[in-house]
Protein backbone atom coordinates (compact mmCIF):
# COMPACT_ATOMS: atom_id res chain seq x y z
CA MET A 1 -21.97 4.69 -13.85
CA VAL A 2 -20.45 7.40 -16.09
CA LYS A 3 -19.37 9.35 -12.99
CA PHE A 4 -17.74 6.22 -11.59
CA TRP A 5 -15.68 5.60 -14.73
CA ILE A 6 -14.66 9.27 -15.03
CA LYS A 7 -13.41 9.22 -11.44
CA LYS A 8 -11.64 5.89 -11.96
CA LEU A 9 -9.99 7.12 -15.16
CA PHE A 10 -8.83 10.31 -13.43
CA PHE A 11 -7.05 8.38 -10.69
CA ILE A 12 -5.56 5.88 -13.15
CA VAL A 13 -4.14 8.75 -15.24
CA LEU A 14 -2.81 10.42 -12.08
CA ALA A 15 -1.14 7.21 -10.91
CA ILE A 16 0.41 6.45 -14.31
CA ASN A 17 1.71 10.01 -14.48
CA LEU A 18 3.33 9.59 -11.05
CA ILE A 19 4.98 6.32 -12.11
CA ALA A 20 6.42 8.01 -15.19
CA VAL A 21 7.70 10.93 -13.09
CA GLY A 22 9.30 8.52 -10.61
CA VAL A 23 11.00 6.56 -13.38
CA ASN A 24 12.12 9.44 -15.64
CA MET A 25 13.08 12.04 -13.03
CA PHE A 26 14.19 10.09 -9.96
CA LEU A 27 15.11 6.44 -10.60
CA GLY A 28 16.16 6.30 -14.25
CA PRO A 29 18.66 9.19 -14.20
CA HIS A 30 20.57 7.44 -11.39
CA GLU A 31 20.44 4.00 -13.08
CA ILE A 32 18.20 2.51 -10.39
CA ALA A 33 16.26 -0.36 -11.98
CA ALA A 34 13.99 -1.32 -9.11
CA GLY A 35 12.29 -4.34 -10.63
CA GLY A 36 9.31 -4.53 -12.93
CA LEU A 37 9.02 -3.65 -16.60
CA THR A 38 10.12 -0.05 -16.04
CA GLY A 39 13.30 -1.33 -14.38
CA LEU A 40 13.95 -3.64 -17.33
CA ALA A 41 13.35 -0.70 -19.68
CA ILE A 42 15.97 1.38 -17.84
CA ILE A 43 18.48 -1.48 -18.17
CA LEU A 44 17.83 -2.13 -21.88
CA GLU A 45 18.04 1.57 -22.65
CA ALA A 46 21.41 1.87 -20.93
CA TYR A 47 22.87 -1.39 -22.25
CA LEU A 48 21.41 -1.69 -25.78
CA GLY A 49 20.21 1.83 -26.48
CA PHE A 50 16.52 0.87 -26.75
CA ASP A 51 14.07 3.67 -26.01
CA ARG A 52 12.49 2.89 -22.63
CA ALA A 53 9.02 3.94 -23.82
CA ILE A 54 9.23 1.42 -26.70
CA VAL A 55 10.34 -1.32 -24.30
CA VAL A 56 7.35 -0.57 -22.07
CA TRP A 57 5.02 -0.55 -25.11
CA ILE A 58 6.19 -4.01 -26.21
CA GLY A 59 6.29 -5.45 -22.68
CA ASN A 60 2.84 -4.17 -21.78
CA GLY A 61 1.46 -5.43 -25.08
CA ILE A 62 2.58 -8.94 -24.12
CA VAL A 63 1.21 -8.48 -20.59
CA VAL A 64 -2.21 -7.33 -21.84
CA LEU A 65 -2.37 -10.33 -24.19
CA LEU A 66 -1.51 -12.67 -21.28
CA ALA A 67 -4.28 -11.08 -19.19
CA LEU A 68 -6.82 -11.58 -21.95
CA LEU A 69 -5.84 -15.18 -22.71
CA PHE A 70 -5.27 -16.51 -19.21
CA LEU A 71 -6.99 -14.25 -16.67
CA GLY A 72 -10.27 -13.28 -18.30
CA LYS A 73 -12.10 -10.15 -19.36
CA GLU A 74 -12.24 -8.39 -15.97
CA VAL A 75 -8.47 -8.49 -15.34
CA PHE A 76 -7.89 -7.54 -18.99
CA LEU A 77 -10.09 -4.43 -18.69
CA ASN A 78 -8.46 -3.43 -15.41
CA THR A 79 -5.02 -3.76 -17.01
CA VAL A 80 -5.42 -2.40 -20.51
CA ILE A 81 -6.00 1.27 -19.60
CA GLY A 82 -2.96 1.63 -17.36
CA ALA A 83 -0.79 -0.57 -19.56
CA GLY A 84 -1.68 1.55 -22.58
CA LEU A 85 -1.11 4.87 -20.85
CA LEU A 86 2.22 4.08 -19.14
CA PRO A 87 4.44 4.06 -22.27
CA VAL A 88 2.72 7.26 -23.43
CA PHE A 89 3.62 9.08 -20.23
CA ILE A 90 7.10 7.50 -20.15
CA GLY A 91 7.61 8.97 -23.62
CA LEU A 92 6.09 12.39 -22.86
CA ILE A 93 7.69 13.16 -19.49
CA PRO A 94 11.29 14.35 -19.93
CA GLN A 95 14.16 12.22 -18.67
CA TYR A 96 15.66 14.76 -16.31
CA LYS A 97 17.79 14.37 -13.19
CA LEU A 98 15.68 16.44 -10.81
CA VAL A 99 17.76 15.58 -7.71
CA GLU A 100 21.53 15.20 -7.85
CA ASP A 101 21.92 13.15 -4.68
CA THR A 102 21.37 9.47 -5.55
CA MET A 103 20.07 8.40 -2.14
CA LEU A 104 17.57 11.24 -1.91
CA SER A 105 16.43 10.71 -5.49
CA MET A 106 15.97 6.97 -4.85
CA VAL A 107 13.89 7.58 -1.71
CA VAL A 108 11.65 10.20 -3.34
CA GLY A 109 11.22 8.15 -6.51
CA SER A 110 10.39 4.99 -4.55
CA VAL A 111 7.79 6.78 -2.41
CA ILE A 112 6.19 8.29 -5.53
CA PHE A 113 6.16 4.83 -7.12
CA GLY A 114 4.56 3.30 -4.01
CA VAL A 115 1.86 5.97 -3.86
CA ALA A 116 1.07 5.50 -7.55
CA VAL A 117 0.79 1.71 -7.37
CA SER A 118 -1.40 2.02 -4.26
CA ILE A 119 -3.76 4.32 -6.15
CA LEU A 120 -3.97 1.77 -8.97
CA TYR A 121 -4.62 -1.11 -6.55
CA HIS A 122 -7.31 0.91 -4.78
CA HIS A 123 -9.12 1.37 -8.10
CA LYS A 124 -8.51 -2.26 -9.13
CA ALA A 125 -6.30 -1.17 -12.00
CA SER A 126 -2.74 -1.92 -13.05
CA SER A 127 0.08 -0.40 -15.04
CA GLY A 128 0.76 -3.80 -16.58
CA GLY A 129 4.42 -4.71 -16.26
CA SER A 130 5.25 -7.37 -13.68
CA ALA A 131 1.79 -7.29 -12.04
CA VAL A 132 0.13 -9.78 -14.42
CA PRO A 133 2.62 -12.69 -14.78
CA PRO A 134 2.44 -13.55 -11.03
CA LEU A 135 -1.36 -13.83 -11.36
CA VAL A 136 -0.93 -16.27 -14.25
CA LEU A 137 1.56 -18.31 -12.21
CA GLN A 138 -0.88 -18.39 -9.31
CA LYS A 139 -3.81 -19.51 -11.44
CA TYR A 140 -2.05 -22.30 -13.33
CA PHE A 141 0.85 -23.35 -11.07
CA ASN A 142 -0.48 -22.41 -7.60
CA ILE A 143 2.49 -20.11 -6.98
CA LYS A 144 1.71 -17.25 -4.62
CA PRO A 145 1.67 -13.81 -6.32
CA SER A 146 4.23 -12.49 -3.82
CA VAL A 147 6.62 -15.29 -4.85
CA GLY A 148 6.00 -14.67 -8.55
CA LEU A 149 6.57 -10.94 -8.12
CA PHE A 150 9.73 -11.60 -6.11
CA ILE A 151 11.07 -13.81 -8.92
CA SER A 152 10.31 -11.31 -11.69
CA ASP A 153 11.68 -8.35 -9.74
CA GLY A 154 14.67 -10.45 -8.65
CA VAL A 155 15.62 -11.15 -12.28
CA VAL A 156 15.55 -7.42 -13.08
CA VAL A 157 17.61 -6.52 -10.01
CA VAL A 158 20.23 -9.15 -10.90
CA LEU A 159 20.42 -7.70 -14.42
CA CYS A 160 20.93 -4.31 -12.75
CA LEU A 161 24.00 -5.74 -11.02
CA LEU A 162 25.37 -7.09 -14.33
CA VAL A 163 24.76 -3.91 -16.34
CA PHE A 164 25.29 -1.14 -13.80
CA SER A 165 27.34 -0.92 -10.61
CA VAL A 166 27.13 -2.68 -7.25
CA ASP A 167 25.83 0.62 -5.84
CA SER A 168 22.93 0.59 -8.33
CA PHE A 169 22.17 -3.01 -7.36
CA PHE A 170 21.79 -2.15 -3.68
CA PHE A 171 19.92 1.06 -4.45
CA ALA A 172 17.46 -1.03 -6.49
CA ILE A 173 16.91 -3.44 -3.59
CA LEU A 174 16.42 -0.54 -1.18
CA SER A 175 14.02 1.10 -3.63
CA ILE A 176 11.83 -2.03 -3.76
CA PHE A 177 11.78 -2.10 0.05
CA ILE A 178 10.78 1.58 0.33
CA THR A 179 8.07 1.14 -2.30
CA SER A 180 6.66 -1.85 -0.39
CA VAL A 181 6.71 0.04 2.92
CA THR A 182 4.98 3.03 1.32
CA MET A 183 2.25 0.82 -0.12
CA SER A 184 1.81 -0.99 3.19
CA TYR A 185 1.52 2.30 5.08
CA ILE A 186 -1.03 3.71 2.65
CA GLU A 187 -3.08 0.51 2.82
CA ASN A 188 -2.87 -0.10 6.57
CA GLY A 189 -1.37 2.91 8.26
CA THR A 190 -3.53 5.90 7.41
CA ASN A 191 -6.56 4.81 9.41
CA LYS A 192 -4.99 3.35 12.53
CA LYS A 193 -7.11 3.28 15.68
CA LYS A 194 -6.62 1.95 19.19
CA ARG A 195 -8.76 -0.79 20.66
CA VAL A 196 -8.75 -0.92 24.45
CA HIS A 197 -10.01 -3.69 26.72
CA ILE A 198 -10.62 -2.59 30.32
CA ILE A 199 -11.33 -4.77 33.33
CA SER A 200 -12.40 -2.88 36.43
CA LYS A 201 -14.90 -3.09 39.27
CA HIS A 202 -15.91 0.45 38.33
CA HIS A 203 -16.73 -0.45 34.74
CA GLU A 204 -20.11 1.33 34.73
CA ALA A 205 -18.69 4.70 35.74
CA ILE A 206 -15.74 4.33 33.34
CA ALA A 207 -18.02 3.42 30.43
CA GLN A 208 -20.33 6.37 31.16
CA ASP A 209 -17.47 8.88 31.23
CA ILE A 210 -15.96 7.48 28.02
CA MET A 211 -19.26 7.97 26.23
CA ASN A 212 -19.87 11.42 27.71
CA GLU A 213 -16.36 12.91 27.50
CA ILE A 214 -14.85 11.20 24.44
CA GLY A 215 -18.03 10.44 22.53
CA ARG A 216 -17.15 6.86 21.71
CA GLY A 217 -19.39 3.86 22.20
CA VAL A 218 -18.42 1.14 24.67
CA THR A 219 -19.12 -2.59 24.39
CA ILE A 220 -19.54 -4.63 27.58
CA ILE A 221 -18.23 -8.20 27.23
CA PRO A 222 -18.89 -10.87 29.90
CA ALA A 223 -15.56 -12.22 31.22
CA LYS A 224 -14.42 -14.68 33.88
CA GLY A 225 -11.05 -14.89 35.62
CA ALA A 226 -9.38 -18.31 35.31
CA TYR A 227 -7.86 -18.18 38.81
CA GLU A 228 -10.79 -17.10 41.02
CA HIS A 229 -13.54 -17.97 38.51
CA GLN A 230 -15.08 -14.61 39.30
CA GLU A 231 -17.28 -13.07 36.63
CA ILE A 232 -16.55 -9.44 35.84
CA PRO A 233 -17.59 -7.36 32.80
CA MET A 234 -14.87 -6.25 30.39
CA LEU A 235 -15.17 -3.02 28.44
CA MET A 236 -14.06 -2.74 24.84
CA VAL A 237 -13.73 0.61 23.10
CA THR A 238 -12.24 1.59 19.73
CA LEU A 239 -11.09 5.17 19.36
CA ASP A 240 -8.81 7.57 17.51
CA VAL A 241 -5.19 7.71 18.62
CA GLN A 242 -5.54 11.26 19.97
CA ASN A 243 -8.31 10.10 22.32
CA TYR A 244 -6.23 7.35 23.92
CA ARG A 245 -4.61 9.46 26.67
CA PRO A 246 -7.94 11.05 27.71
CA LEU A 247 -9.37 7.51 27.97
CA ILE A 248 -6.52 6.36 30.21
CA ALA A 249 -7.07 9.47 32.36
CA ILE A 250 -10.72 8.49 32.77
CA VAL A 251 -9.77 4.94 33.78
CA ASP A 252 -7.17 6.18 36.29
CA ARG A 253 -9.67 8.62 37.75
CA HIS A 254 -11.99 5.78 38.71
CA ASP A 255 -9.62 2.86 39.25
CA LYS A 256 -5.82 3.10 39.23
CA GLU A 257 -5.64 -0.70 39.51
CA ALA A 258 -7.79 -1.31 36.42
CA PHE A 259 -6.36 -3.82 33.95
CA CYS A 260 -6.08 -2.38 30.42
CA VAL A 261 -4.92 -4.04 27.22
CA THR A 262 -4.40 -1.86 24.14
CA ASP A 263 -4.10 -2.98 20.51
CA VAL A 264 -3.40 -0.92 17.41
CA VAL A 265 -5.87 -1.78 14.65
CA ALA A 266 -5.16 -0.97 11.01
CA ASP A 267 -8.68 -0.18 9.88
CA VAL A 268 -12.16 0.30 11.30
CA HIS A 269 -15.44 0.26 9.38
CA GLY A 270 -18.89 0.99 10.69
CA LYS A 271 -20.87 3.39 12.80
CA GLY A 272 -18.95 6.39 14.03
CA PHE A 273 -15.95 5.73 11.78
CA THR A 274 -16.97 5.29 8.14
CA PHE A 275 -20.08 7.45 8.34
CA GLU A 276 -21.43 10.10 10.64
CA SER A 277 -22.65 8.85 14.00
CA GLY A 278 -22.01 9.41 17.64
CA SER A 279 -21.25 5.85 18.62
CA VAL A 280 -19.71 2.61 17.38
């Protein structure tokens, strides 16, 4: 249990550090307020002169209180560590324009932000900010979290338009998009596999060669054609992307008229993929 919490704390600290770097060195120096509490802090600092770390302290204090009152102990514990650390790192990391080009700085900062939030989500933690209010809205008003997050981020982006320039407004929108794409890729794109369904009269020979040459298991599924009502086995195999072309070569070797359907799957769990084994 101690090991688990040490590991979890390490990744939370890493993620919070990355968020602070993204805000202070990439987004903030170019007046890109891409939603959330950190975006609001950038706006208030520029417009009213408030220290962004203080704004994050106050905002996250309110968020942590909301989590405790409305969402229960578990959400509170998952929020309080990150919410407490974020203003510390925002205050410690220097506000420095690391990249002069605004577009490049926005892209790098948004990717860093997306990676950091993904790490927090993976460890069921949060940096506070705009992550908690949508959960409250969902619980008490049945509003989807995505809608609640869109509303809260939308308010910040509109304020960006009022305080900064039109360029900053569109950079903020683009930043939110890049952050979302980064998070989606990390969640769904790093473990992509191909799933192939094969219908052929030579299914036995094809299956044997797939197992022998590629080392992947093959599932035989009973199938029936709707036109001729002829029963014919269908093979299903899930494999790494790099093994797809060798599989097609095996199929073509035995039956150039074989019918193949290929899907890209985002994640695979089980034998041969999530722990050592020679088959699925």
